């Protein structure tokens, strides 16, 4: 989990650095999660994270646009990072994941993914993520429910 300092400035720097370390570690594993290795964390605060990723050929479906499975994976991972950024944050396990695909992203596009915890209770956490292109158009919107406790 992330370590937060006493001042807001320390919190931001410490948590962004910690998030980048977690992402770097995951990218070096053989686990499926490494498929988002080109995503870069750009901001983090308790319960909210933002990322950027340039769409490459390896991210495409047969139609030449961003693959829906990768889009869903980005929603899954980024909302999990948002949960981890909270005090006492746990990654939890997915209960429900819904993604609405609104517009295609093409190779060379840079997308911004913003994930946020809507509510974290004793056992369930409700999160959301939006993926936008450089123009600010929403590419996809996701809702992710996670079991985070007993």
N, C-alpha and C. Protein backbone atom coordinates (compact mmCIF):
# COMPACT_ATOMS: atom_id res chain seq x y z
N UNK A 1 0.85 -1.18 0.00
CA UNK A 1 0.00 0.00 0.00
C UNK A 1 0.88 1.24 0.00
N UNK A 2 0.27 2.37 -0.17
CA UNK A 2 1.01 3.62 -0.26
C UNK A 2 1.25 4.18 1.12
N UNK A 3 2.35 4.90 1.26
CA UNK A 3 2.67 5.57 2.51
C UNK A 3 2.42 7.05 2.31
N UNK A 4 1.62 7.64 3.18
CA UNK A 4 1.29 9.05 3.06
C UNK A 4 2.02 9.84 4.12
N UNK A 5 2.56 10.99 3.72
CA UNK A 5 3.25 11.89 4.64
C UNK A 5 2.26 12.77 5.37
N UNK A 6 2.78 13.72 6.17
CA UNK A 6 1.92 14.59 6.99
C UNK A 6 1.31 15.74 6.21
N UNK A 7 2.02 16.30 5.24
CA UNK A 7 1.46 17.42 4.47
C UNK A 7 0.94 16.91 3.14
N UNK A 8 0.01 17.64 2.54
CA UNK A 8 -0.54 17.24 1.25
C UNK A 8 0.54 17.09 0.19
N UNK A 9 1.52 17.99 0.19
CA UNK A 9 2.60 17.92 -0.78
C UNK A 9 3.37 16.61 -0.63
N UNK A 10 3.69 16.24 0.60
CA UNK A 10 4.41 14.99 0.84
C UNK A 10 3.56 13.80 0.42
N UNK A 11 2.27 13.87 0.71
CA UNK A 11 1.38 12.77 0.34
C UNK A 11 1.42 12.53 -1.16
N UNK A 12 1.30 13.59 -1.95
CA UNK A 12 1.27 13.46 -3.39
C UNK A 12 2.57 12.86 -3.92
N UNK A 13 3.70 13.39 -3.49
CA UNK A 13 4.98 12.91 -3.99
C UNK A 13 5.23 11.46 -3.55
N UNK A 14 4.99 11.18 -2.29
CA UNK A 14 5.23 9.84 -1.78
C UNK A 14 4.35 8.81 -2.45
N UNK A 15 3.08 9.10 -2.62
CA UNK A 15 2.16 8.11 -3.17
C UNK A 15 2.37 7.92 -4.66
N UNK A 16 2.70 8.99 -5.41
CA UNK A 16 2.96 8.85 -6.84
C UNK A 16 4.19 8.00 -7.06
N UNK A 17 5.23 8.25 -6.26
CA UNK A 17 6.44 7.44 -6.37
C UNK A 17 6.15 5.98 -6.02
N UNK A 18 5.38 5.75 -4.98
CA UNK A 18 5.04 4.38 -4.57
C UNK A 18 4.22 3.68 -5.65
N UNK A 19 3.26 4.40 -6.23
CA UNK A 19 2.44 3.82 -7.29
C UNK A 19 3.30 3.44 -8.49
N UNK A 20 4.21 4.30 -8.86
CA UNK A 20 5.10 4.01 -9.99
C UNK A 20 5.96 2.78 -9.70
N UNK A 21 6.39 2.61 -8.46
CA UNK A 21 7.18 1.43 -8.10
C UNK A 21 6.35 0.16 -8.20
N UNK A 22 5.10 0.22 -7.75
CA UNK A 22 4.20 -0.94 -7.85
C UNK A 22 3.98 -1.30 -9.31
N UNK A 23 3.71 -0.29 -10.14
CA UNK A 23 3.48 -0.53 -11.57
C UNK A 23 4.72 -1.10 -12.25
N UNK A 24 5.90 -0.60 -11.88
CA UNK A 24 7.13 -1.11 -12.46
C UNK A 24 7.34 -2.58 -12.08
N UNK A 25 7.07 -2.91 -10.82
CA UNK A 25 7.19 -4.29 -10.37
C UNK A 25 6.25 -5.20 -11.15
N UNK A 26 5.01 -4.79 -11.30
CA UNK A 26 4.01 -5.61 -12.02
C UNK A 26 4.43 -5.81 -13.47
N UNK A 27 4.99 -4.78 -14.10
CA UNK A 27 5.37 -4.89 -15.51
C UNK A 27 6.48 -5.91 -15.74
N UNK A 28 7.22 -6.25 -14.69
CA UNK A 28 8.33 -7.20 -14.82
C UNK A 28 7.92 -8.64 -14.50
N UNK A 29 6.66 -8.84 -14.09
CA UNK A 29 6.21 -10.19 -13.76
C UNK A 29 5.72 -10.90 -15.02
N UNK A 30 5.40 -12.16 -14.89
CA UNK A 30 4.83 -12.92 -16.00
C UNK A 30 3.30 -12.92 -15.92
N UNK A 31 2.75 -12.22 -14.95
CA UNK A 31 1.30 -12.17 -14.76
C UNK A 31 0.64 -11.38 -15.88
N UNK A 32 -0.62 -11.65 -16.12
CA UNK A 32 -1.38 -10.97 -17.17
C UNK A 32 -1.37 -9.46 -17.00
N UNK A 33 -1.35 -9.00 -15.77
CA UNK A 33 -1.41 -7.56 -15.48
C UNK A 33 -0.32 -6.75 -16.17
N UNK A 34 0.72 -7.39 -16.62
CA UNK A 34 1.83 -6.66 -17.27
C UNK A 34 1.42 -6.09 -18.62
N UNK A 35 0.25 -6.44 -19.15
CA UNK A 35 -0.18 -5.93 -20.46
C UNK A 35 -0.32 -4.42 -20.48
N UNK A 36 -0.44 -3.80 -19.32
CA UNK A 36 -0.56 -2.33 -19.26
C UNK A 36 0.78 -1.68 -18.88
N UNK A 37 1.87 -2.37 -19.18
CA UNK A 37 3.19 -1.87 -18.77
C UNK A 37 3.53 -0.50 -19.34
N UNK A 38 2.90 -0.09 -20.42
CA UNK A 38 3.21 1.22 -21.01
C UNK A 38 2.41 2.35 -20.38
N UNK A 39 1.50 2.04 -19.47
CA UNK A 39 0.75 3.08 -18.77
C UNK A 39 1.68 3.78 -17.77
N UNK A 40 1.54 5.08 -17.68
CA UNK A 40 2.35 5.88 -16.77
C UNK A 40 1.44 6.59 -15.76
N UNK A 41 1.75 6.45 -14.48
CA UNK A 41 0.99 7.17 -13.45
C UNK A 41 1.35 8.65 -13.54
N UNK A 42 0.32 9.51 -13.57
CA UNK A 42 0.60 10.95 -13.65
C UNK A 42 0.13 11.70 -12.41
N UNK A 43 -0.82 11.14 -11.66
CA UNK A 43 -1.22 11.78 -10.40
C UNK A 43 -1.91 10.76 -9.52
N UNK A 44 -1.83 11.01 -8.23
CA UNK A 44 -2.51 10.15 -7.26
C UNK A 44 -2.81 10.97 -6.02
N UNK A 45 -3.98 10.75 -5.48
CA UNK A 45 -4.38 11.29 -4.18
C UNK A 45 -5.25 10.21 -3.55
N UNK A 46 -5.52 10.29 -2.26
CA UNK A 46 -6.29 9.22 -1.64
C UNK A 46 -7.62 8.97 -2.36
N UNK A 47 -7.73 7.77 -2.93
CA UNK A 47 -8.96 7.37 -3.60
C UNK A 47 -9.07 7.78 -5.05
N UNK A 48 -8.02 8.36 -5.62
CA UNK A 48 -8.10 8.80 -7.02
C UNK A 48 -6.71 8.74 -7.66
N UNK A 49 -6.67 8.22 -8.90
CA UNK A 49 -5.42 8.10 -9.63
C UNK A 49 -5.66 8.42 -11.10
N UNK A 50 -4.63 8.95 -11.77
CA UNK A 50 -4.71 9.21 -13.20
C UNK A 50 -3.47 8.64 -13.88
N UNK A 51 -3.68 8.18 -15.11
CA UNK A 51 -2.64 7.52 -15.87
C UNK A 51 -2.72 7.97 -17.32
N UNK A 52 -1.61 7.86 -18.05
CA UNK A 52 -1.59 8.08 -19.48
C UNK A 52 -0.96 6.86 -20.15
N UNK A 53 -1.44 6.58 -21.36
CA UNK A 53 -0.85 5.48 -22.12
C UNK A 53 -1.00 5.78 -23.60
N UNK A 54 0.10 5.63 -24.32
CA UNK A 54 0.08 5.78 -25.77
C UNK A 54 -0.31 4.42 -26.36
N UNK A 55 -1.30 4.43 -27.23
CA UNK A 55 -1.80 3.20 -27.83
C UNK A 55 -0.83 2.72 -28.90
N UNK A 56 -0.33 1.51 -28.71
CA UNK A 56 0.60 0.90 -29.66
C UNK A 56 -0.08 -0.24 -30.40
N UNK A 57 0.61 -0.80 -31.37
CA UNK A 57 0.05 -1.90 -32.17
C UNK A 57 -0.31 -3.10 -31.31
N UNK A 58 0.45 -3.32 -30.24
CA UNK A 58 0.18 -4.47 -29.37
C UNK A 58 -1.12 -4.31 -28.58
N UNK A 59 -1.72 -3.13 -28.59
CA UNK A 59 -2.95 -2.85 -27.85
C UNK A 59 -4.20 -2.96 -28.72
N UNK A 60 -4.04 -3.33 -29.98
CA UNK A 60 -5.13 -3.26 -30.94
C UNK A 60 -5.87 -4.58 -31.13
N UNK A 61 -7.14 -4.45 -31.52
CA UNK A 61 -7.91 -5.62 -31.96
C UNK A 61 -7.71 -5.78 -33.47
N UNK A 62 -8.40 -6.73 -34.09
CA UNK A 62 -8.23 -6.98 -35.52
C UNK A 62 -8.75 -5.83 -36.39
N UNK A 63 -9.57 -4.95 -35.82
CA UNK A 63 -10.07 -3.79 -36.56
C UNK A 63 -9.11 -2.60 -36.50
N UNK A 64 -8.01 -2.75 -35.76
CA UNK A 64 -7.02 -1.69 -35.68
C UNK A 64 -7.32 -0.62 -34.65
N UNK A 65 -8.18 -0.92 -33.68
CA UNK A 65 -8.49 0.03 -32.60
C UNK A 65 -8.21 -0.63 -31.25
N UNK A 66 -8.22 0.19 -30.21
CA UNK A 66 -7.93 -0.31 -28.86
C UNK A 66 -8.82 -1.51 -28.52
N UNK A 67 -8.20 -2.59 -28.11
CA UNK A 67 -8.89 -3.84 -27.78
C UNK A 67 -9.76 -3.66 -26.54
N UNK A 68 -11.00 -4.14 -26.60
CA UNK A 68 -11.92 -4.02 -25.48
C UNK A 68 -11.45 -4.74 -24.23
N UNK A 69 -10.77 -5.87 -24.40
CA UNK A 69 -10.25 -6.59 -23.24
C UNK A 69 -9.17 -5.81 -22.52
N UNK A 70 -8.33 -5.10 -23.28
CA UNK A 70 -7.31 -4.26 -22.66
C UNK A 70 -7.97 -3.08 -21.96
N UNK A 71 -9.01 -2.53 -22.58
CA UNK A 71 -9.75 -1.44 -21.95
C UNK A 71 -10.31 -1.88 -20.60
N UNK A 72 -10.92 -3.06 -20.55
CA UNK A 72 -11.46 -3.59 -19.29
C UNK A 72 -10.35 -3.83 -18.28
N UNK A 73 -9.21 -4.31 -18.74
CA UNK A 73 -8.07 -4.52 -17.85
C UNK A 73 -7.59 -3.20 -17.26
N UNK A 74 -7.56 -2.14 -18.08
CA UNK A 74 -7.15 -0.82 -17.58
C UNK A 74 -8.13 -0.34 -16.51
N UNK A 75 -9.42 -0.56 -16.71
CA UNK A 75 -10.41 -0.18 -15.69
C UNK A 75 -10.15 -0.97 -14.41
N UNK A 76 -9.93 -2.27 -14.54
CA UNK A 76 -9.67 -3.15 -13.39
C UNK A 76 -8.44 -2.68 -12.62
N UNK A 77 -7.34 -2.51 -13.32
CA UNK A 77 -6.08 -2.16 -12.65
C UNK A 77 -6.12 -0.76 -12.03
N UNK A 78 -6.60 0.22 -12.79
CA UNK A 78 -6.53 1.58 -12.28
C UNK A 78 -7.46 1.80 -11.10
N UNK A 79 -8.62 1.16 -11.10
CA UNK A 79 -9.51 1.29 -9.94
C UNK A 79 -8.92 0.57 -8.73
N UNK A 80 -8.18 -0.49 -8.96
CA UNK A 80 -7.49 -1.17 -7.86
C UNK A 80 -6.41 -0.26 -7.28
N UNK A 81 -5.66 0.43 -8.15
CA UNK A 81 -4.66 1.39 -7.67
C UNK A 81 -5.32 2.51 -6.87
N UNK A 82 -6.50 2.95 -7.30
CA UNK A 82 -7.22 3.99 -6.55
C UNK A 82 -7.56 3.49 -5.15
N UNK A 83 -7.98 2.23 -5.04
CA UNK A 83 -8.26 1.64 -3.72
C UNK A 83 -6.99 1.56 -2.87
N UNK A 84 -5.89 1.16 -3.49
CA UNK A 84 -4.63 1.05 -2.75
C UNK A 84 -4.13 2.40 -2.26
N UNK A 85 -4.53 3.47 -2.93
CA UNK A 85 -4.06 4.80 -2.54
C UNK A 85 -4.74 5.34 -1.29
N UNK A 86 -5.78 4.66 -0.83
CA UNK A 86 -6.49 5.10 0.37
C UNK A 86 -5.81 4.57 1.62
N UNK A 87 -6.00 5.25 2.73
CA UNK A 87 -5.46 4.78 3.99
C UNK A 87 -6.00 3.39 4.28
N UNK A 88 -5.12 2.45 4.56
CA UNK A 88 -5.54 1.07 4.83
C UNK A 88 -6.05 0.36 3.60
N UNK A 89 -5.70 0.86 2.42
CA UNK A 89 -6.22 0.32 1.17
C UNK A 89 -5.80 -1.11 0.93
N UNK A 90 -6.73 -1.90 0.40
CA UNK A 90 -6.48 -3.30 0.02
C UNK A 90 -6.92 -3.45 -1.44
N UNK A 91 -6.26 -4.34 -2.18
CA UNK A 91 -6.64 -4.51 -3.58
C UNK A 91 -8.01 -5.18 -3.75
N UNK A 92 -8.36 -6.08 -2.85
CA UNK A 92 -9.65 -6.77 -2.96
C UNK A 92 -9.72 -7.69 -4.17
N UNK A 93 -10.90 -8.24 -4.39
CA UNK A 93 -11.14 -9.10 -5.55
C UNK A 93 -12.40 -8.60 -6.26
N UNK A 94 -12.42 -8.74 -7.56
CA UNK A 94 -13.54 -8.23 -8.35
C UNK A 94 -14.82 -9.01 -8.08
N UNK A 95 -15.90 -8.26 -7.92
CA UNK A 95 -17.25 -8.82 -7.79
C UNK A 95 -18.01 -8.55 -9.09
N UNK A 96 -17.81 -7.35 -9.64
CA UNK A 96 -18.52 -6.93 -10.83
C UNK A 96 -17.67 -5.91 -11.57
N UNK A 97 -17.64 -6.02 -12.89
CA UNK A 97 -16.90 -5.07 -13.72
C UNK A 97 -17.73 -4.81 -14.97
N UNK A 98 -18.10 -3.56 -15.18
CA UNK A 98 -18.90 -3.17 -16.33
C UNK A 98 -18.16 -2.09 -17.09
N UNK A 99 -18.05 -2.26 -18.40
CA UNK A 99 -17.38 -1.25 -19.22
C UNK A 99 -18.32 -0.89 -20.37
N UNK A 100 -18.52 0.42 -20.56
CA UNK A 100 -19.25 0.93 -21.71
C UNK A 100 -18.22 1.51 -22.67
N UNK A 101 -18.25 1.03 -23.90
CA UNK A 101 -17.30 1.47 -24.94
C UNK A 101 -18.00 2.53 -25.78
N UNK A 102 -17.47 3.75 -25.78
CA UNK A 102 -18.16 4.87 -26.40
C UNK A 102 -17.51 5.38 -27.69
N UNK A 103 -16.22 5.17 -27.83
CA UNK A 103 -15.51 5.68 -29.00
C UNK A 103 -14.23 4.87 -29.17
N UNK A 104 -13.77 4.73 -30.41
CA UNK A 104 -12.55 3.97 -30.68
C UNK A 104 -11.31 4.82 -30.42
N UNK A 105 -10.26 4.15 -29.97
CA UNK A 105 -8.93 4.77 -29.87
C UNK A 105 -8.05 4.07 -30.89
N UNK A 106 -7.19 4.84 -31.53
CA UNK A 106 -6.36 4.31 -32.62
C UNK A 106 -4.89 4.34 -32.25
N UNK A 107 -4.07 3.59 -32.98
CA UNK A 107 -2.64 3.59 -32.70
C UNK A 107 -2.07 5.01 -32.76
N UNK A 108 -1.23 5.32 -31.79
CA UNK A 108 -0.64 6.64 -31.69
C UNK A 108 -1.41 7.58 -30.78
N UNK A 109 -2.69 7.27 -30.52
CA UNK A 109 -3.47 8.09 -29.59
C UNK A 109 -2.90 7.94 -28.18
N UNK A 110 -2.90 9.02 -27.42
CA UNK A 110 -2.57 8.95 -26.01
C UNK A 110 -3.87 9.09 -25.24
N UNK A 111 -4.16 8.10 -24.41
CA UNK A 111 -5.38 8.13 -23.61
C UNK A 111 -5.03 8.44 -22.15
N UNK A 112 -5.97 9.09 -21.48
CA UNK A 112 -5.84 9.37 -20.05
C UNK A 112 -6.90 8.56 -19.34
N UNK A 113 -6.48 7.84 -18.31
CA UNK A 113 -7.38 7.01 -17.51
C UNK A 113 -7.44 7.62 -16.12
N UNK A 114 -8.64 7.94 -15.68
CA UNK A 114 -8.82 8.48 -14.33
C UNK A 114 -9.73 7.53 -13.57
N UNK A 115 -9.23 7.05 -12.44
CA UNK A 115 -9.97 6.09 -11.61
C UNK A 115 -10.23 6.70 -10.24
N UNK A 116 -11.40 6.38 -9.69
CA UNK A 116 -11.79 6.97 -8.42
C UNK A 116 -12.63 6.00 -7.60
N UNK A 117 -12.41 6.03 -6.30
CA UNK A 117 -13.24 5.25 -5.38
C UNK A 117 -14.48 6.09 -5.07
N UNK A 118 -15.64 5.54 -5.37
CA UNK A 118 -16.90 6.22 -5.08
C UNK A 118 -17.26 6.03 -3.61
N UNK A 119 -17.15 4.78 -3.15
CA UNK A 119 -17.45 4.46 -1.75
C UNK A 119 -16.72 3.18 -1.38
N UNK A 120 -16.13 3.18 -0.18
CA UNK A 120 -15.52 1.96 0.34
C UNK A 120 -16.19 1.66 1.67
N UNK A 121 -16.83 0.51 1.73
CA UNK A 121 -17.47 0.08 2.96
C UNK A 121 -16.65 -1.00 3.65
N UNK A 122 -17.28 -1.69 4.62
CA UNK A 122 -16.58 -2.75 5.35
C UNK A 122 -16.17 -3.90 4.45
N UNK A 123 -17.06 -4.28 3.51
CA UNK A 123 -16.77 -5.44 2.67
C UNK A 123 -16.71 -5.15 1.18
N UNK A 124 -17.37 -4.08 0.73
CA UNK A 124 -17.39 -3.77 -0.69
C UNK A 124 -16.88 -2.37 -0.96
N UNK A 125 -16.23 -2.23 -2.12
CA UNK A 125 -15.78 -0.92 -2.59
C UNK A 125 -16.36 -0.71 -3.98
N UNK A 126 -16.83 0.50 -4.22
CA UNK A 126 -17.42 0.86 -5.51
C UNK A 126 -16.50 1.89 -6.16
N UNK A 127 -16.06 1.59 -7.38
CA UNK A 127 -15.11 2.46 -8.07
C UNK A 127 -15.59 2.76 -9.48
N UNK A 128 -14.98 3.77 -10.07
CA UNK A 128 -15.30 4.15 -11.44
C UNK A 128 -14.02 4.55 -12.16
N UNK A 129 -14.02 4.43 -13.48
CA UNK A 129 -12.89 4.86 -14.29
C UNK A 129 -13.40 5.41 -15.61
N UNK A 130 -12.72 6.44 -16.08
CA UNK A 130 -13.01 7.00 -17.40
C UNK A 130 -11.73 7.02 -18.20
N UNK A 131 -11.85 6.64 -19.47
CA UNK A 131 -10.73 6.69 -20.39
C UNK A 131 -11.08 7.72 -21.46
N UNK A 132 -10.19 8.72 -21.62
CA UNK A 132 -10.44 9.81 -22.58
C UNK A 132 -9.28 9.92 -23.56
N UNK A 133 -9.60 10.41 -24.75
CA UNK A 133 -8.54 10.69 -25.73
C UNK A 133 -8.00 12.10 -25.52
N UNK A 134 -7.06 12.49 -26.37
CA UNK A 134 -6.41 13.80 -26.22
C UNK A 134 -7.39 14.97 -26.36
N UNK A 135 -8.48 14.76 -27.10
CA UNK A 135 -9.48 15.81 -27.29
C UNK A 135 -10.43 15.92 -26.09
N UNK A 136 -10.35 14.96 -25.18
CA UNK A 136 -11.25 14.95 -24.03
C UNK A 136 -12.49 14.12 -24.25
N UNK A 137 -12.59 13.47 -25.41
CA UNK A 137 -13.73 12.58 -25.68
C UNK A 137 -13.61 11.33 -24.82
N UNK A 138 -14.72 10.89 -24.25
CA UNK A 138 -14.71 9.67 -23.44
C UNK A 138 -14.67 8.47 -24.38
N UNK A 139 -13.64 7.65 -24.22
CA UNK A 139 -13.46 6.42 -25.00
C UNK A 139 -14.26 5.30 -24.35
N UNK A 140 -14.15 5.21 -23.02
CA UNK A 140 -14.84 4.16 -22.28
C UNK A 140 -15.08 4.63 -20.85
N UNK A 141 -16.12 4.06 -20.25
CA UNK A 141 -16.46 4.36 -18.86
C UNK A 141 -16.67 3.01 -18.17
N UNK A 142 -16.05 2.85 -17.00
CA UNK A 142 -16.17 1.58 -16.28
C UNK A 142 -16.63 1.76 -14.85
N UNK A 143 -17.37 0.77 -14.38
CA UNK A 143 -17.76 0.65 -12.97
C UNK A 143 -17.20 -0.67 -12.47
N UNK A 144 -16.60 -0.65 -11.29
CA UNK A 144 -15.94 -1.83 -10.76
C UNK A 144 -16.26 -1.97 -9.27
N UNK A 145 -16.86 -3.07 -8.91
CA UNK A 145 -17.16 -3.39 -7.51
C UNK A 145 -16.16 -4.43 -7.05
N UNK A 146 -15.56 -4.21 -5.87
CA UNK A 146 -14.57 -5.14 -5.34
C UNK A 146 -14.92 -5.54 -3.91
N UNK A 147 -14.67 -6.78 -3.59
CA UNK A 147 -14.80 -7.26 -2.21
C UNK A 147 -13.48 -6.95 -1.52
N UNK A 148 -13.53 -6.15 -0.44
CA UNK A 148 -12.31 -5.70 0.22
C UNK A 148 -12.18 -6.13 1.68
N UNK A 149 -13.10 -6.91 2.17
CA UNK A 149 -13.03 -7.31 3.59
C UNK A 149 -13.91 -8.50 3.87
N UNK A 150 -13.85 -8.96 5.14
CA UNK A 150 -14.66 -10.12 5.52
C UNK A 150 -15.91 -9.69 6.19
